[in-house]
Amino acid sequence: MKTVSLAILSLCFGLCVVALSQDVPNQAPRKTQAAAGAQLTTIMGTIQEDGEKLRFVTDQRAWNVDNPETLKGHEGHYVHAKAYVYPDKNLIHIAEVKMPTASETKKNDMR
């Protein structure tokens, strides 16, 4: 009886090892925004509506936004955003957007 139980336990262990080893390639880390070469940056600017497109305009340049749905409702506002910036593509990906606090106004940002 002990031999049969040990054989069944060994078989179950072996099958678990095989099953888990087949899932390892599926668990490989996915390429994220940060891994693609961009870092999460804090940026402040105005949301400008350009027809159907929304642009994020700072004092230095105007950025195309690859996920404009995050900026809906902020058109014309000066906002504080966390974004992945791709300067070579003139593109940003907005991770978070919020209205600035009183100390983060546009006038204070220009100093």
N, C-alpha and C. Protein backbone atom coordinates (compact mmCIF):
# COMPACT_ATOMS: atom_id res chain seq x y z
N MET A 1 0.83 -1.20 0.00
CA MET A 1 0.00 0.00 0.00
C MET A 1 0.87 1.26 0.00
N LYS A 2 1.97 1.21 0.78
CA LYS A 2 2.86 2.36 0.82
C LYS A 2 3.51 2.57 -0.53
N THR A 3 3.83 1.51 -1.21
CA THR A 3 4.48 1.60 -2.51
C THR A 3 3.55 2.24 -3.53
N VAL A 4 2.28 1.84 -3.52
CA VAL A 4 1.29 2.39 -4.44
C VAL A 4 1.09 3.88 -4.15
N SER A 5 0.99 4.26 -2.89
CA SER A 5 0.81 5.67 -2.52
C SER A 5 2.02 6.49 -2.93
N LEU A 6 3.21 5.95 -2.74
CA LEU A 6 4.43 6.65 -3.12
C LEU A 6 4.52 6.80 -4.64
N ALA A 7 4.09 5.79 -5.37
CA ALA A 7 4.12 5.84 -6.84
C ALA A 7 3.13 6.89 -7.35
N ILE A 8 1.96 6.95 -6.75
CA ILE A 8 0.94 7.94 -7.16
C ILE A 8 1.42 9.35 -6.83
N LEU A 9 2.00 9.53 -5.65
CA LEU A 9 2.52 10.83 -5.25
C LEU A 9 3.65 11.28 -6.18
N SER A 10 4.54 10.38 -6.54
CA SER A 10 5.64 10.70 -7.46
C SER A 10 5.11 11.06 -8.84
N LEU A 11 4.11 10.34 -9.30
CA LEU A 11 3.50 10.62 -10.60
C LEU A 11 2.85 12.00 -10.61
N CYS A 12 2.12 12.33 -9.54
CA CYS A 12 1.49 13.66 -9.43
C CYS A 12 2.53 14.76 -9.41
N PHE A 13 3.60 14.56 -8.66
CA PHE A 13 4.68 15.56 -8.60
C PHE A 13 5.32 15.75 -9.98
N GLY A 14 5.57 14.67 -10.66
CA GLY A 14 6.16 14.74 -12.00
C GLY A 14 5.26 15.48 -12.98
N LEU A 15 3.97 15.20 -12.93
CA LEU A 15 3.03 15.88 -13.83
C LEU A 15 2.94 17.38 -13.51
N CYS A 16 3.00 17.73 -12.23
CA CYS A 16 2.97 19.14 -11.85
C CYS A 16 4.19 19.88 -12.36
N VAL A 17 5.35 19.26 -12.26
CA VAL A 17 6.58 19.89 -12.75
C VAL A 17 6.50 20.10 -14.25
N VAL A 18 6.03 19.11 -14.98
CA VAL A 18 5.90 19.23 -16.44
C VAL A 18 4.89 20.32 -16.80
N ALA A 19 3.76 20.35 -16.11
CA ALA A 19 2.72 21.34 -16.40
C ALA A 19 3.21 22.75 -16.11
N LEU A 20 3.92 22.94 -15.02
CA LEU A 20 4.42 24.27 -14.67
C LEU A 20 5.53 24.73 -15.62
N SER A 21 6.36 23.81 -16.05
CA SER A 21 7.46 24.20 -16.94
C SER A 21 6.95 24.62 -18.31
N GLN A 22 5.79 24.14 -18.73
CA GLN A 22 5.22 24.55 -20.00
C GLN A 22 4.63 25.95 -19.94
N ASP A 23 4.25 26.43 -18.75
CA ASP A 23 3.67 27.76 -18.60
C ASP A 23 4.72 28.85 -18.46
N VAL A 24 5.96 28.52 -18.25
CA VAL A 24 7.00 29.52 -18.03
C VAL A 24 7.12 30.51 -19.19
N PRO A 25 7.13 30.10 -20.46
CA PRO A 25 7.21 31.10 -21.53
C PRO A 25 6.04 32.07 -21.53
N ASN A 26 4.87 31.63 -21.11
CA ASN A 26 3.71 32.51 -21.06
C ASN A 26 3.82 33.52 -19.93
N GLN A 27 4.67 33.25 -18.94
CA GLN A 27 4.82 34.14 -17.81
C GLN A 27 6.00 35.08 -17.97
N ALA A 28 6.64 35.07 -19.13
CA ALA A 28 7.76 35.98 -19.38
C ALA A 28 7.25 37.41 -19.27
N PRO A 29 8.05 38.33 -18.74
CA PRO A 29 7.58 39.71 -18.58
C PRO A 29 7.23 40.34 -19.92
N ARG A 30 6.12 41.00 -19.92
CA ARG A 30 5.69 41.69 -21.14
C ARG A 30 6.43 43.00 -21.26
N LYS A 31 6.60 43.44 -22.48
CA LYS A 31 7.31 44.70 -22.72
C LYS A 31 6.36 45.84 -22.35
N THR A 32 6.73 46.60 -21.34
CA THR A 32 5.90 47.70 -20.88
C THR A 32 6.39 49.00 -21.48
N GLN A 33 5.68 50.07 -21.19
CA GLN A 33 6.08 51.38 -21.66
C GLN A 33 7.47 51.72 -21.15
N ALA A 34 7.73 51.40 -19.89
CA ALA A 34 9.03 51.72 -19.31
C ALA A 34 10.14 50.89 -19.94
N ALA A 35 9.87 49.63 -20.22
CA ALA A 35 10.88 48.77 -20.81
C ALA A 35 11.16 49.15 -22.25
N ALA A 36 10.26 49.84 -22.89
CA ALA A 36 10.44 50.24 -24.28
C ALA A 36 11.36 51.45 -24.41
N GLY A 37 11.91 51.94 -23.31
CA GLY A 37 12.87 53.03 -23.36
C GLY A 37 12.36 54.35 -22.81
N ALA A 38 11.10 54.44 -22.48
CA ALA A 38 10.56 55.69 -21.94
C ALA A 38 10.42 55.56 -20.43
N GLN A 39 10.63 56.68 -19.73
CA GLN A 39 10.45 56.70 -18.30
C GLN A 39 9.22 57.52 -17.95
N LEU A 40 8.62 57.17 -16.83
CA LEU A 40 7.47 57.93 -16.35
C LEU A 40 7.95 59.29 -15.88
N THR A 41 7.40 60.35 -16.45
CA THR A 41 7.83 61.72 -16.19
C THR A 41 6.64 62.55 -15.76
N THR A 42 6.88 63.48 -14.86
CA THR A 42 5.85 64.44 -14.48
C THR A 42 5.97 65.62 -15.42
N ILE A 43 4.86 66.01 -16.01
CA ILE A 43 4.85 67.08 -17.01
C ILE A 43 3.61 67.94 -16.80
N MET A 44 3.74 69.23 -17.02
CA MET A 44 2.60 70.14 -16.88
C MET A 44 2.39 70.87 -18.19
N GLY A 45 1.14 71.06 -18.55
CA GLY A 45 0.84 71.75 -19.80
C GLY A 45 -0.66 71.93 -19.98
N THR A 46 -1.01 72.46 -21.13
CA THR A 46 -2.41 72.75 -21.46
C THR A 46 -2.90 71.74 -22.48
N ILE A 47 -4.13 71.30 -22.31
CA ILE A 47 -4.74 70.37 -23.26
C ILE A 47 -5.40 71.18 -24.35
N GLN A 48 -4.97 70.97 -25.57
CA GLN A 48 -5.46 71.73 -26.71
C GLN A 48 -6.22 70.80 -27.64
N GLU A 49 -7.40 71.23 -28.04
CA GLU A 49 -8.22 70.44 -28.95
C GLU A 49 -7.92 70.88 -30.37
N ASP A 50 -7.50 69.93 -31.20
CA ASP A 50 -7.16 70.20 -32.59
C ASP A 50 -8.04 69.32 -33.46
N GLY A 51 -9.27 69.78 -33.68
CA GLY A 51 -10.23 68.97 -34.41
C GLY A 51 -10.65 67.78 -33.57
N GLU A 52 -10.41 66.58 -34.08
CA GLU A 52 -10.71 65.36 -33.35
C GLU A 52 -9.58 64.95 -32.41
N LYS A 53 -8.40 65.53 -32.59
CA LYS A 53 -7.23 65.15 -31.81
C LYS A 53 -7.02 66.08 -30.62
N LEU A 54 -6.47 65.53 -29.56
CA LEU A 54 -6.07 66.34 -28.41
C LEU A 54 -4.55 66.36 -28.37
N ARG A 55 -4.01 67.54 -28.05
CA ARG A 55 -2.56 67.69 -27.94
C ARG A 55 -2.24 68.21 -26.55
N PHE A 56 -1.07 67.82 -26.05
CA PHE A 56 -0.59 68.27 -24.75
C PHE A 56 0.49 69.31 -25.04
N VAL A 57 0.22 70.57 -24.68
CA VAL A 57 1.11 71.68 -25.04
C VAL A 57 1.83 72.17 -23.79
N THR A 58 3.17 72.13 -23.84
CA THR A 58 3.98 72.68 -22.77
C THR A 58 4.60 73.98 -23.29
N ASP A 59 5.42 74.62 -22.47
CA ASP A 59 6.09 75.84 -22.91
C ASP A 59 7.10 75.55 -24.01
N GLN A 60 7.67 74.35 -24.02
CA GLN A 60 8.69 74.01 -24.98
C GLN A 60 8.15 73.45 -26.30
N ARG A 61 7.09 72.64 -26.25
CA ARG A 61 6.58 72.03 -27.47
C ARG A 61 5.18 71.48 -27.28
N ALA A 62 4.60 71.08 -28.41
CA ALA A 62 3.27 70.46 -28.41
C ALA A 62 3.46 68.97 -28.70
N TRP A 63 2.82 68.14 -27.90
CA TRP A 63 2.97 66.69 -28.00
C TRP A 63 1.70 66.06 -28.54
N ASN A 64 1.85 65.07 -29.40
CA ASN A 64 0.73 64.23 -29.79
C ASN A 64 0.52 63.23 -28.66
N VAL A 65 -0.73 62.89 -28.39
CA VAL A 65 -1.07 61.98 -27.30
C VAL A 65 -1.61 60.69 -27.90
N ASP A 66 -1.00 59.55 -27.51
CA ASP A 66 -1.44 58.29 -28.09
C ASP A 66 -2.66 57.69 -27.39
N ASN A 67 -3.05 58.24 -26.24
CA ASN A 67 -4.27 57.78 -25.56
C ASN A 67 -5.11 58.99 -25.14
N PRO A 68 -5.69 59.71 -26.11
CA PRO A 68 -6.41 60.95 -25.81
C PRO A 68 -7.65 60.76 -24.94
N GLU A 69 -8.15 59.55 -24.81
CA GLU A 69 -9.34 59.34 -23.97
C GLU A 69 -9.07 59.70 -22.51
N THR A 70 -7.81 59.65 -22.07
CA THR A 70 -7.48 60.02 -20.69
C THR A 70 -7.60 61.53 -20.47
N LEU A 71 -7.59 62.31 -21.54
CA LEU A 71 -7.64 63.76 -21.42
C LEU A 71 -9.03 64.34 -21.64
N LYS A 72 -9.99 63.51 -21.96
CA LYS A 72 -11.36 63.99 -22.19
C LYS A 72 -11.86 64.73 -20.96
N GLY A 73 -12.46 65.89 -21.19
CA GLY A 73 -12.98 66.71 -20.12
C GLY A 73 -11.98 67.73 -19.60
N HIS A 74 -10.73 67.65 -20.05
CA HIS A 74 -9.71 68.59 -19.61
C HIS A 74 -9.31 69.58 -20.73
N GLU A 75 -10.06 69.60 -21.81
CA GLU A 75 -9.74 70.48 -22.93
C GLU A 75 -9.67 71.93 -22.46
N GLY A 76 -8.57 72.62 -22.80
CA GLY A 76 -8.39 74.01 -22.43
C GLY A 76 -7.83 74.21 -21.03
N HIS A 77 -7.71 73.15 -20.25
CA HIS A 77 -7.21 73.26 -18.88
C HIS A 77 -5.69 73.10 -18.83
N TYR A 78 -5.11 73.76 -17.86
CA TYR A 78 -3.70 73.56 -17.53
C TYR A 78 -3.67 72.42 -16.52
N VAL A 79 -2.97 71.32 -16.84
CA VAL A 79 -3.02 70.12 -16.02
C VAL A 79 -1.63 69.63 -15.63
N HIS A 80 -1.63 68.78 -14.64
CA HIS A 80 -0.44 68.11 -14.12
C HIS A 80 -0.60 66.65 -14.52
N ALA A 81 0.37 66.10 -15.28
CA ALA A 81 0.23 64.73 -15.77
C ALA A 81 1.49 63.93 -15.52
N LYS A 82 1.30 62.64 -15.38
CA LYS A 82 2.40 61.68 -15.37
C LYS A 82 2.31 60.96 -16.69
N ALA A 83 3.41 60.95 -17.44
CA ALA A 83 3.36 60.42 -18.79
C ALA A 83 4.68 59.78 -19.18
N TYR A 84 4.59 58.85 -20.12
CA TYR A 84 5.77 58.29 -20.77
C TYR A 84 6.03 59.16 -21.99
N VAL A 85 7.24 59.72 -22.09
CA VAL A 85 7.56 60.68 -23.15
C VAL A 85 8.47 60.02 -24.18
N TYR A 86 8.10 60.15 -25.45
CA TYR A 86 8.88 59.63 -26.57
C TYR A 86 9.26 60.82 -27.46
N PRO A 87 10.36 61.53 -27.14
CA PRO A 87 10.70 62.73 -27.90
C PRO A 87 11.02 62.46 -29.36
N ASP A 88 11.56 61.30 -29.69
CA ASP A 88 11.89 60.99 -31.08
C ASP A 88 10.64 60.82 -31.94
N LYS A 89 9.52 60.48 -31.33
CA LYS A 89 8.25 60.31 -32.05
C LYS A 89 7.31 61.49 -31.84
N ASN A 90 7.73 62.49 -31.01
CA ASN A 90 6.88 63.62 -30.64
C ASN A 90 5.56 63.13 -30.05
N LEU A 91 5.66 62.13 -29.17
CA LEU A 91 4.50 61.43 -28.65
C LEU A 91 4.61 61.24 -27.15
N ILE A 92 3.48 61.34 -26.46
CA ILE A 92 3.45 60.99 -25.04
C ILE A 92 2.27 60.04 -24.79
N HIS A 93 2.42 59.22 -23.76
CA HIS A 93 1.37 58.32 -23.31
C HIS A 93 1.03 58.74 -21.89
N ILE A 94 -0.16 59.27 -21.68
CA ILE A 94 -0.58 59.79 -20.38
C ILE A 94 -0.97 58.63 -19.47
N ALA A 95 -0.31 58.56 -18.31
CA ALA A 95 -0.65 57.54 -17.31
C ALA A 95 -1.65 58.09 -16.29
N GLU A 96 -1.51 59.37 -15.96
CA GLU A 96 -2.39 59.98 -14.95
C GLU A 96 -2.48 61.47 -15.25
N VAL A 97 -3.66 62.04 -15.10
CA VAL A 97 -3.85 63.47 -15.30
C VAL A 97 -4.70 64.01 -14.15
N LYS A 98 -4.30 65.18 -13.64
CA LYS A 98 -5.08 65.82 -12.58
C LYS A 98 -4.90 67.32 -12.67
N MET A 99 -5.82 68.03 -12.07
CA MET A 99 -5.73 69.48 -12.02
C MET A 99 -4.63 69.86 -11.04
N PRO A 100 -3.85 70.89 -11.35
CA PRO A 100 -2.77 71.28 -10.44
C PRO A 100 -3.30 71.92 -9.17
N THR A 101 -2.49 71.86 -8.13
CA THR A 101 -2.84 72.52 -6.87
C THR A 101 -2.54 74.01 -7.02
N ALA A 102 -2.87 74.78 -6.02
CA ALA A 102 -2.65 76.22 -6.08
C ALA A 102 -1.17 76.56 -6.24
N SER A 103 -0.30 75.77 -5.67
CA SER A 103 1.14 76.05 -5.79
C SER A 103 1.72 75.57 -7.11
N GLU A 104 0.95 74.83 -7.90
CA GLU A 104 1.42 74.32 -9.19
C GLU A 104 0.78 75.05 -10.37
N THR A 105 0.49 76.30 -10.22
CA THR A 105 -0.14 77.05 -11.29
C THR A 105 0.85 77.29 -12.43
N LYS A 106 0.33 77.71 -13.56
CA LYS A 106 1.18 77.96 -14.72
C LYS A 106 2.19 79.06 -14.43
N LYS A 107 1.78 80.09 -13.70
CA LYS A 107 2.68 81.20 -13.37
C LYS A 107 3.85 80.70 -12.53
N ASN A 108 3.58 79.82 -11.56
CA ASN A 108 4.64 79.27 -10.72
C ASN A 108 5.51 78.28 -11.48
N ASP A 109 4.97 77.61 -12.48
CA ASP A 109 5.72 76.63 -13.26
C ASP A 109 6.75 77.31 -14.16
N MET A 110 6.51 78.56 -14.55
CA MET A 110 7.41 79.26 -15.46
C MET A 110 8.66 79.78 -14.78
N ARG A 111 8.70 79.79 -13.47
CA ARG A 111 9.87 80.31 -12.75
C ARG A 111 11.07 79.45 -12.92
